[in-house]
């Protein structure tokens, strides 16, 4: 079975190859933020990566909904395919 970090690494590599800026999203003293921010041509996408079949924690869901409530595009991706689809790769 593929692991979360392997999915994240592969999607990030493919995104960089397609011209996306890729950043690890870390906020001091703020848990639950999505794993990565992808930026290209004015589009900003937050992605929470998960192992196949895994779901975000309650804290992560709250942050995802908070970002979406402010108009942000946020995806939960548990496969390389879902990550590529989120970024139109």
C-alpha atoms as a PDB file:
ATOM      1  CA  UNK A   1       0.000   0.000   0.000  1.00  0.00           C
ATOM      2  CA  UNK A   2       1.229   3.464  -0.862  1.00  0.00           C
ATOM      3  CA  UNK A   3       1.895   5.819   2.032  1.00  0.00           C
ATOM      4  CA  UNK A   4       0.729   9.406   2.495  1.00  0.00           C
ATOM      5  CA  UNK A   5       4.216  10.828   2.164  1.00  0.00           C
ATOM      6  CA  UNK A   6       4.751   8.942  -1.113  1.00  0.00           C
ATOM      7  CA  UNK A   7       1.528  10.376  -2.555  1.00  0.00           C
ATOM      8  CA  UNK A   8       2.492  13.870  -1.401  1.00  0.00           C
ATOM      9  CA  UNK A   9       6.017  13.599  -2.809  1.00  0.00           C
ATOM     10  CA  UNK A  10       4.867  12.344  -6.230  1.00  0.00           C
ATOM     11  CA  UNK A  11       2.110  14.963  -6.610  1.00  0.00           C
ATOM     12  CA  UNK A  12       4.518  17.726  -5.555  1.00  0.00           C
ATOM     13  CA  UNK A  13       7.113  16.550  -8.090  1.00  0.00           C
ATOM     14  CA  UNK A  14       4.529  16.420 -10.886  1.00  0.00           C
ATOM     15  CA  UNK A  15       3.171  19.840  -9.916  1.00  0.00           C
ATOM     16  CA  UNK A  16       6.638  21.419  -9.912  1.00  0.00           C
ATOM     17  CA  UNK A  17       7.242  19.913 -13.348  1.00  0.00           C
ATOM     18  CA  UNK A  18       4.018  21.559 -14.543  1.00  0.00           C
ATOM     19  CA  UNK A  19       5.125  24.985 -13.305  1.00  0.00           C
ATOM     20  CA  UNK A  20       3.370  25.122  -9.919  1.00  0.00           C
ATOM     21  CA  UNK A  21       5.017  26.783  -6.932  1.00  0.00           C
ATOM     22  CA  UNK A  22       4.811  24.231  -4.122  1.00  0.00           C
ATOM     23  CA  UNK A  23       5.107  25.115  -0.453  1.00  0.00           C
ATOM     24  CA  UNK A  24       4.793  23.151   2.748  1.00  0.00           C
ATOM     25  CA  UNK A  25       2.104  24.889   4.812  1.00  0.00           C
ATOM     26  CA  UNK A  26       3.225  25.346   8.418  1.00  0.00           C
ATOM     27  CA  UNK A  27       1.753  27.817  10.886  1.00  0.00           C
ATOM     28  CA  UNK A  28       3.375  28.066  14.308  1.00  0.00           C
ATOM     29  CA  UNK A  29       0.871  27.388  17.091  1.00  0.00           C
ATOM     30  CA  UNK A  30      -1.856  26.423  14.572  1.00  0.00           C
ATOM     31  CA  UNK A  31      -2.538  22.740  14.106  1.00  0.00           C
ATOM     32  CA  UNK A  32      -4.792  21.253  11.454  1.00  0.00           C
ATOM     33  CA  UNK A  33      -3.691  23.304   8.444  1.00  0.00           C
ATOM     34  CA  UNK A  34      -3.490  21.540   5.044  1.00  0.00           C
ATOM     35  CA  UNK A  35      -0.163  19.973   4.112  1.00  0.00           C
ATOM     36  CA  UNK A  36       0.665  21.974   0.991  1.00  0.00           C
ATOM     37  CA  UNK A  37      -0.081  25.156  -0.924  1.00  0.00           C
ATOM     38  CA  UNK A  38       0.151  25.071  -4.720  1.00  0.00           C
ATOM     39  CA  UNK A  39       0.278  28.336  -6.703  1.00  0.00           C
ATOM     40  CA  UNK A  40       0.198  28.826 -10.472  1.00  0.00           C
ATOM     41  CA  UNK A  41      -1.100  31.606 -12.705  1.00  0.00           C
ATOM     42  CA  UNK A  42      -3.148  33.232  -9.935  1.00  0.00           C
ATOM     43  CA  UNK A  43      -4.700  29.975  -8.744  1.00  0.00           C
ATOM     44  CA  UNK A  44      -4.022  29.001  -5.126  1.00  0.00           C
ATOM     45  CA  UNK A  45      -4.862  25.466  -4.009  1.00  0.00           C
ATOM     46  CA  UNK A  46      -4.543  23.987  -0.518  1.00  0.00           C
ATOM     47  CA  UNK A  47      -4.164  20.199  -0.312  1.00  0.00           C
ATOM     48  CA  UNK A  48      -4.441  17.883   2.665  1.00  0.00           C
ATOM     49  CA  UNK A  49      -2.776  14.594   1.765  1.00  0.00           C
ATOM     50  CA  UNK A  50      -3.955  11.336   3.315  1.00  0.00           C
ATOM     51  CA  UNK A  51      -3.113   7.658   2.985  1.00  0.00           C
ATOM     52  CA  UNK A  52      -5.567   5.753   0.764  1.00  0.00           C
ATOM     53  CA  UNK A  53      -8.950   5.634   2.480  1.00  0.00           C
ATOM     54  CA  UNK A  54      -7.882   7.821   5.419  1.00  0.00           C
ATOM     55  CA  UNK A  55      -9.907  10.868   6.395  1.00  0.00           C
ATOM     56  CA  UNK A  56      -8.899  14.211   7.920  1.00  0.00           C
ATOM     57  CA  UNK A  57      -9.214  14.630  11.679  1.00  0.00           C
ATOM     58  CA  UNK A  58     -11.990  16.778  13.129  1.00  0.00           C
ATOM     59  CA  UNK A  59      -9.466  19.591  13.592  1.00  0.00           C
ATOM     60  CA  UNK A  60      -8.344  19.305   9.975  1.00  0.00           C
ATOM     61  CA  UNK A  61     -11.963  19.335   8.746  1.00  0.00           C
ATOM     62  CA  UNK A  62     -12.629  22.488  10.750  1.00  0.00           C
ATOM     63  CA  UNK A  63      -9.635  24.199   9.125  1.00  0.00           C
ATOM     64  CA  UNK A  64     -10.658  22.978   5.659  1.00  0.00           C
ATOM     65  CA  UNK A  65     -14.169  24.358   6.154  1.00  0.00           C
ATOM     66  CA  UNK A  66     -12.806  27.624   7.547  1.00  0.00           C
ATOM     67  CA  UNK A  67     -10.612  28.092   4.461  1.00  0.00           C
ATOM     68  CA  UNK A  68     -13.491  27.175   2.143  1.00  0.00           C
ATOM     69  CA  UNK A  69     -15.774  29.623   3.948  1.00  0.00           C
ATOM     70  CA  UNK A  70     -13.268  32.319   2.973  1.00  0.00           C
ATOM     71  CA  UNK A  71     -13.374  31.296  -0.677  1.00  0.00           C
ATOM     72  CA  UNK A  72     -10.266  29.115  -0.768  1.00  0.00           C
ATOM     73  CA  UNK A  73      -9.931  26.021  -2.910  1.00  0.00           C
ATOM     74  CA  UNK A  74      -9.093  23.078  -0.634  1.00  0.00           C
ATOM     75  CA  UNK A  75      -8.801  19.394  -1.560  1.00  0.00           C
ATOM     76  CA  UNK A  76      -8.289  16.201   0.399  1.00  0.00           C
ATOM     77  CA  UNK A  77      -6.251  13.772  -1.708  1.00  0.00           C
ATOM     78  CA  UNK A  78      -5.625  10.129  -0.851  1.00  0.00           C
ATOM     79  CA  UNK A  79      -4.063   9.034  -4.141  1.00  0.00           C
ATOM     80  CA  UNK A  80      -1.690  10.370  -6.780  1.00  0.00           C
ATOM     81  CA  UNK A  81      -4.632  10.454  -9.200  1.00  0.00           C
ATOM     82  CA  UNK A  82      -6.792  12.583  -6.882  1.00  0.00           C
ATOM     83  CA  UNK A  83      -3.884  14.960  -6.313  1.00  0.00           C
ATOM     84  CA  UNK A  84      -3.301  15.301 -10.049  1.00  0.00           C
ATOM     85  CA  UNK A  85      -7.017  15.862 -10.629  1.00  0.00           C
ATOM     86  CA  UNK A  86      -7.118  18.608  -7.981  1.00  0.00           C
ATOM     87  CA  UNK A  87      -4.348  20.456  -9.820  1.00  0.00           C
ATOM     88  CA  UNK A  88      -5.539  19.608 -13.354  1.00  0.00           C
ATOM     89  CA  UNK A  89      -2.288  17.771 -14.092  1.00  0.00           C
END
